[in-house]
C-alpha atoms as a PDB file:
ATOM      1  CA  MET A   1       3.152  21.945 -13.054  1.00  0.00           C
ATOM      2  CA  SER A   2       0.490  19.781 -14.607  1.00  0.00           C
ATOM      3  CA  LYS A   3      -1.477  17.525 -12.259  1.00  0.00           C
ATOM      4  CA  LEU A   4      -0.566  14.494 -14.397  1.00  0.00           C
ATOM      5  CA  ILE A   5       3.147  15.280 -14.137  1.00  0.00           C
ATOM      6  CA  GLN A   6       2.822  15.735 -10.374  1.00  0.00           C
ATOM      7  CA  LEU A   7       0.893  12.463 -10.221  1.00  0.00           C
ATOM      8  CA  PHE A   8       3.612  10.675 -12.202  1.00  0.00           C
ATOM      9  CA  ILE A   9       6.414  12.070 -10.023  1.00  0.00           C
ATOM     10  CA  SER A  10       4.564  11.223  -6.808  1.00  0.00           C
ATOM     11  CA  PHE A  11       3.823   7.633  -7.783  1.00  0.00           C
ATOM     12  CA  PHE A  12       7.281   7.131  -9.282  1.00  0.00           C
ATOM     13  CA  LYS A  13       8.798   8.141  -5.917  1.00  0.00           C
ATOM     14  CA  ILE A  14       6.385   5.855  -4.099  1.00  0.00           C
ATOM     15  CA  GLY A  15       7.240   2.973  -6.419  1.00  0.00           C
ATOM     16  CA  ALA A  16      10.973   3.620  -6.072  1.00  0.00           C
ATOM     17  CA  PHE A  17      11.043   3.710  -2.278  1.00  0.00           C
ATOM     18  CA  SER A  18       8.383   1.164  -1.313  1.00  0.00           C
ATOM     19  CA  PHE A  19      10.433  -1.834  -0.292  1.00  0.00           C
ATOM     20  CA  GLY A  20       8.216  -4.570   1.045  1.00  0.00           C
ATOM     21  CA  GLY A  21       5.137  -4.218  -1.122  1.00  0.00           C
ATOM     22  CA  GLY A  22       1.827  -2.444  -0.873  1.00  0.00           C
ATOM     23  CA  TYR A  23       1.477  -2.181   2.899  1.00  0.00           C
ATOM     24  CA  ALA A  24       4.933  -0.656   3.195  1.00  0.00           C
ATOM     25  CA  MET A  25       3.939   2.038   0.712  1.00  0.00           C
ATOM     26  CA  LEU A  26       0.914   3.222   2.699  1.00  0.00           C
ATOM     27  CA  PRO A  27       2.859   5.762   4.809  1.00  0.00           C
ATOM     28  CA  LEU A  28       4.481   7.139   1.651  1.00  0.00           C
ATOM     29  CA  LEU A  29       1.094   7.377  -0.065  1.00  0.00           C
ATOM     30  CA  GLU A  30      -0.359   9.173   2.917  1.00  0.00           C
ATOM     31  CA  LYS A  31       2.449  11.735   3.070  1.00  0.00           C
ATOM     32  CA  GLU A  32       2.458  12.386  -0.661  1.00  0.00           C
ATOM     33  CA  LEU A  33      -1.264  12.388  -1.442  1.00  0.00           C
ATOM     34  CA  ILE A  34      -2.866  13.674   1.762  1.00  0.00           C
ATOM     35  CA  GLU A  35      -0.246  15.869   3.393  1.00  0.00           C
ATOM     36  CA  LYS A  36       1.805  17.215   0.483  1.00  0.00           C
ATOM     37  CA  HIS A  37      -0.712  17.571  -2.361  1.00  0.00           C
ATOM     38  CA  GLN A  38      -3.993  17.302  -0.408  1.00  0.00           C
ATOM     39  CA  TRP A  39      -5.559  15.413  -3.294  1.00  0.00           C
ATOM     40  CA  ILE A  40      -7.633  13.140  -1.049  1.00  0.00           C
ATOM     41  CA  SER A  41      -8.860  13.010   2.549  1.00  0.00           C
ATOM     42  CA  SER A  42      -7.802  10.495   5.197  1.00  0.00           C
ATOM     43  CA  THR A  43     -11.208   8.831   4.921  1.00  0.00           C
ATOM     44  CA  ASP A  44     -10.849   8.458   1.138  1.00  0.00           C
ATOM     45  CA  PHE A  45      -7.363   7.056   1.692  1.00  0.00           C
ATOM     46  CA  ILE A  46      -8.629   4.329   4.032  1.00  0.00           C
ATOM     47  CA  ASP A  47     -11.490   3.470   1.659  1.00  0.00           C
ATOM     48  CA  ILE A  48      -9.134   3.196  -1.315  1.00  0.00           C
ATOM     49  CA  ALA A  49      -6.666   1.083   0.689  1.00  0.00           C
ATOM     50  CA  ALA A  50      -9.506  -1.296   1.616  1.00  0.00           C
ATOM     51  CA  ILE A  51     -10.720  -1.525  -1.977  1.00  0.00           C
ATOM     52  CA  SER A  52      -7.154  -2.076  -3.206  1.00  0.00           C
ATOM     53  CA  GLU A  53      -6.717  -4.928  -0.779  1.00  0.00           C
ATOM     54  CA  MET A  54      -9.988  -6.614  -1.767  1.00  0.00           C
ATOM     55  CA  THR A  55      -9.457  -6.458  -5.531  1.00  0.00           C
ATOM     56  CA  PRO A  56      -7.207  -8.967  -7.307  1.00  0.00           C
ATOM     57  CA  GLY A  57      -3.639  -7.892  -7.953  1.00  0.00           C
ATOM     58  CA  PRO A  58      -0.858  -6.157  -6.081  1.00  0.00           C
ATOM     59  CA  ILE A  59      -2.033  -3.553  -3.585  1.00  0.00           C
ATOM     60  CA  ALA A  60       0.516  -1.024  -4.919  1.00  0.00           C
ATOM     61  CA  VAL A  61      -0.848  -1.234  -8.455  1.00  0.00           C
ATOM     62  CA  ASN A  62      -4.474  -1.279  -7.310  1.00  0.00           C
ATOM     63  CA  SER A  63      -3.913   1.743  -5.070  1.00  0.00           C
ATOM     64  CA  ALA A  64      -2.172   3.660  -7.834  1.00  0.00           C
ATOM     65  CA  THR A  65      -4.968   2.841 -10.268  1.00  0.00           C
ATOM     66  CA  PHE A  66      -7.758   3.855  -7.887  1.00  0.00           C
ATOM     67  CA  LEU A  67      -5.997   6.961  -6.587  1.00  0.00           C
ATOM     68  CA  GLY A  68      -4.963   8.064 -10.075  1.00  0.00           C
ATOM     69  CA  TYR A  69      -8.575   7.775 -11.189  1.00  0.00           C
ATOM     70  CA  LYS A  70      -9.829   9.698  -8.155  1.00  0.00           C
ATOM     71  CA  ILE A  71      -7.304  12.493  -8.763  1.00  0.00           C
ATOM     72  CA  ALA A  72      -7.300  12.819 -12.562  1.00  0.00           C
ATOM     73  CA  GLY A  73      -9.747  10.376 -14.141  1.00  0.00           C
ATOM     74  CA  VAL A  74      -8.846   7.564 -16.547  1.00  0.00           C
ATOM     75  CA  LEU A  75      -5.656   9.236 -17.752  1.00  0.00           C
ATOM     76  CA  GLY A  76      -4.593   9.779 -14.125  1.00  0.00           C
ATOM     77  CA  SER A  77      -5.225   6.120 -13.467  1.00  0.00           C
ATOM     78  CA  ILE A  78      -2.961   5.107 -16.355  1.00  0.00           C
ATOM     79  CA  VAL A  79      -0.228   7.594 -15.391  1.00  0.00           C
ATOM     80  CA  ALA A  80      -0.202   6.580 -11.699  1.00  0.00           C
ATOM     81  CA  THR A  81      -0.171   2.858 -12.506  1.00  0.00           C
ATOM     82  CA  ILE A  82       2.717   3.155 -14.955  1.00  0.00           C
ATOM     83  CA  ALA A  83       4.628   5.419 -12.566  1.00  0.00           C
ATOM     84  CA  VAL A  84       4.337   3.068  -9.585  1.00  0.00           C
ATOM     85  CA  ILE A  85       5.544  -0.008 -11.524  1.00  0.00           C
ATOM     86  CA  LEU A  86       8.246   1.715 -13.583  1.00  0.00           C
ATOM     87  CA  PRO A  87      10.914   1.852 -10.821  1.00  0.00           C
ATOM     88  CA  SER A  88      10.523  -1.875 -10.111  1.00  0.00           C
ATOM     89  CA  PHE A  89      10.715  -2.645 -13.814  1.00  0.00           C
ATOM     90  CA  ILE A  90      13.922  -0.600 -14.167  1.00  0.00           C
ATOM     91  CA  ILE A  91      15.532  -2.094 -11.047  1.00  0.00           C
ATOM     92  CA  ILE A  92      14.652  -5.690 -11.951  1.00  0.00           C
ATOM     93  CA  SER A  93      15.931  -5.156 -15.501  1.00  0.00           C
ATOM     94  CA  LEU A  94      19.263  -3.888 -14.147  1.00  0.00           C
ATOM     95  CA  ILE A  95      19.505  -6.698 -11.595  1.00  0.00           C
ATOM     96  CA  PHE A  96      18.753  -9.274 -14.289  1.00  0.00           C
ATOM     97  CA  LYS A  97      21.539  -7.820 -16.432  1.00  0.00           C
ATOM     98  CA  PHE A  98      24.080  -8.143 -13.624  1.00  0.00           C
ATOM     99  CA  ILE A  99      22.649 -11.136 -11.745  1.00  0.00           C
ATOM    100  CA  SER A 100      25.793 -13.262 -11.993  1.00  0.00           C
ATOM    101  CA  LYS A 101      27.839 -10.549 -10.250  1.00  0.00           C
ATOM    102  CA  PHE A 102      25.261 -10.017  -7.480  1.00  0.00           C
ATOM    103  CA  LYS A 103      24.348 -13.628  -6.841  1.00  0.00           C
ATOM    104  CA  SER A 104      27.031 -14.459  -4.281  1.00  0.00           C
ATOM    105  CA  SER A 105      27.960 -11.021  -2.975  1.00  0.00           C
ATOM    106  CA  PRO A 106      27.904 -10.726   0.822  1.00  0.00           C
ATOM    107  CA  TYR A 107      27.252  -6.985   0.436  1.00  0.00           C
ATOM    108  CA  ILE A 108      23.927  -7.636  -1.264  1.00  0.00           C
ATOM    109  CA  GLU A 109      22.969 -10.047   1.522  1.00  0.00           C
ATOM    110  CA  TRP A 110      23.882  -7.395   4.125  1.00  0.00           C
ATOM    111  CA  ILE A 111      21.854  -4.754   2.287  1.00  0.00           C
ATOM    112  CA  PHE A 112      18.756  -6.956   2.337  1.00  0.00           C
ATOM    113  CA  ARG A 113      19.290  -7.774   6.020  1.00  0.00           C
ATOM    114  CA  GLY A 114      19.308  -4.030   6.654  1.00  0.00           C
ATOM    115  CA  ILE A 115      16.199  -3.426   4.551  1.00  0.00           C
ATOM    116  CA  ARG A 116      14.034  -6.055   6.297  1.00  0.00           C
ATOM    117  CA  PRO A 117      13.583  -4.079   9.540  1.00  0.00           C
ATOM    118  CA  VAL A 118      12.710  -0.978   7.507  1.00  0.00           C
ATOM    119  CA  VAL A 119       9.945  -2.897   5.768  1.00  0.00           C
ATOM    120  CA  LEU A 120       8.586  -4.032   9.123  1.00  0.00           C
ATOM    121  CA  GLY A 121       8.709  -0.439  10.391  1.00  0.00           C
ATOM    122  CA  LEU A 122       6.853   0.860   7.323  1.00  0.00           C
ATOM    123  CA  ILE A 123       4.165  -1.788   7.702  1.00  0.00           C
ATOM    124  CA  GLY A 124       3.843  -0.869  11.385  1.00  0.00           C
ATOM    125  CA  ALA A 125       3.542   2.815  10.478  1.00  0.00           C
ATOM    126  CA  ALA A 126       0.828   1.914   7.967  1.00  0.00           C
ATOM    127  CA  ALA A 127      -1.034  -0.022  10.658  1.00  0.00           C
ATOM    128  CA  VAL A 128      -0.925   2.983  12.992  1.00  0.00           C
ATOM    129  CA  THR A 129      -2.092   5.323  10.213  1.00  0.00           C
ATOM    130  CA  VAL A 130      -4.984   3.072   9.252  1.00  0.00           C
ATOM    131  CA  GLY A 131      -5.851   2.514  12.914  1.00  0.00           C
ATOM    132  CA  LYS A 132      -6.083   6.243  13.660  1.00  0.00           C
ATOM    133  CA  THR A 133      -8.795   6.776  11.082  1.00  0.00           C
ATOM    134  CA  SER A 134     -10.471   3.365  11.290  1.00  0.00           C
ATOM    135  CA  PHE A 135     -11.163   3.219  15.021  1.00  0.00           C
ATOM    136  CA  VAL A 136     -14.062   5.665  14.995  1.00  0.00           C
ATOM    137  CA  ASP A 137     -15.999   4.011  17.794  1.00  0.00           C
ATOM    138  CA  ILE A 138     -16.071   0.969  20.083  1.00  0.00           C
ATOM    139  CA  LYS A 139     -17.789  -1.139  17.391  1.00  0.00           C
ATOM    140  CA  ALA A 140     -14.842  -0.643  15.031  1.00  0.00           C
ATOM    141  CA  VAL A 141     -12.400  -1.588  17.796  1.00  0.00           C
ATOM    142  CA  ILE A 142     -14.370  -4.766  18.573  1.00  0.00           C
ATOM    143  CA  ILE A 143     -14.518  -5.751  14.886  1.00  0.00           C
ATOM    144  CA  SER A 144     -10.780  -5.209  14.454  1.00  0.00           C
ATOM    145  CA  ILE A 145      -9.813  -7.129  17.611  1.00  0.00           C
ATOM    146  CA  LEU A 146     -12.116 -10.015  16.694  1.00  0.00           C
ATOM    147  CA  LEU A 147     -10.819 -10.176  13.115  1.00  0.00           C
ATOM    148  CA  PHE A 148      -7.199  -9.909  14.272  1.00  0.00           C
ATOM    149  CA  TYR A 149      -7.794 -12.856  16.599  1.00  0.00           C
ATOM    150  CA  LEU A 150      -9.611 -14.936  13.978  1.00  0.00           C
ATOM    151  CA  VAL A 151      -7.119 -14.313  11.169  1.00  0.00           C
ATOM    152  CA  SER A 152      -3.818 -14.356  13.064  1.00  0.00           C
ATOM    153  CA  ILE A 153      -4.501 -16.787  15.935  1.00  0.00           C
ATOM    154  CA  ARG A 154      -7.300 -19.032  14.635  1.00  0.00           C
ATOM    155  CA  LYS A 155      -5.926 -18.890  11.044  1.00  0.00           C
ATOM    156  CA  LEU A 156      -9.208 -17.856   9.410  1.00  0.00           C
ATOM    157  CA  ASN A 157      -8.756 -17.213   5.705  1.00  0.00           C
ATOM    158  CA  ALA A 158      -8.252 -13.461   5.162  1.00  0.00           C
ATOM    159  CA  ILE A 159     -10.923 -13.370   2.443  1.00  0.00           C
ATOM    160  CA  LEU A 160     -13.458 -14.870   4.833  1.00  0.00           C
ATOM    161  CA  GLY A 161     -12.298 -12.331   7.410  1.00  0.00           C
ATOM    162  CA  ILE A 162     -13.030  -9.453   5.030  1.00  0.00           C
ATOM    163  CA  ILE A 163     -16.464 -10.886   4.254  1.00  0.00           C
ATOM    164  CA  LEU A 164     -17.178 -11.417   7.958  1.00  0.00           C
ATOM    165  CA  ALA A 165     -16.117  -7.827   8.750  1.00  0.00           C
ATOM    166  CA  GLY A 166     -18.439  -6.540   6.017  1.00  0.00           C
ATOM    167  CA  VAL A 167     -21.354  -8.548   7.381  1.00  0.00           C
ATOM    168  CA  MET A 168     -20.597  -7.331  10.891  1.00  0.00           C
ATOM    169  CA  GLY A 169     -20.505  -3.770   9.562  1.00  0.00           C
ATOM    170  CA  ILE A 170     -23.933  -4.217   7.999  1.00  0.00           C
ATOM    171  CA  PHE A 171     -25.434  -5.438  11.273  1.00  0.00           C
ATOM    172  CA  LEU A 172     -23.581  -3.108  13.643  1.00  0.00           C
ATOM    173  CA  TYR A 173     -23.917   0.086  11.624  1.00  0.00           C
END
């Protein structure tokens, strides 16, 4: 099977089953791209996730664009990006068509109540995955603990946190 077709299928699946946004898709990306196809390494995966987070736009689209380019060049980038957004486009189009029927259904509310914990679990799994490859030494642990404290407890702007982590990386490494 052509690499572009495999790329399309992989990112279509990721787009179809990534409830909760970009962070929730990280475990799916890891399984599909690192374990199944072995297109990239764990280190490349972490680097691309970081770049995707820092660039403007949704992390899912940015990741697909960067990973598609890394795997199959410009055409791979286009294929992966289209594939990851296509399921959402199809689902939203169908929901829009039948919105009046879904609007007050208790079943839909129950479905979303059931999906919320899954999203939290996927984000947690992504955090563990990123942590395994990011904590390479005590310096990395100190940077992450400090930034976690500053961003979540002291409410430092996340952008400033990224910049601060980069500066700390320059000085510590």
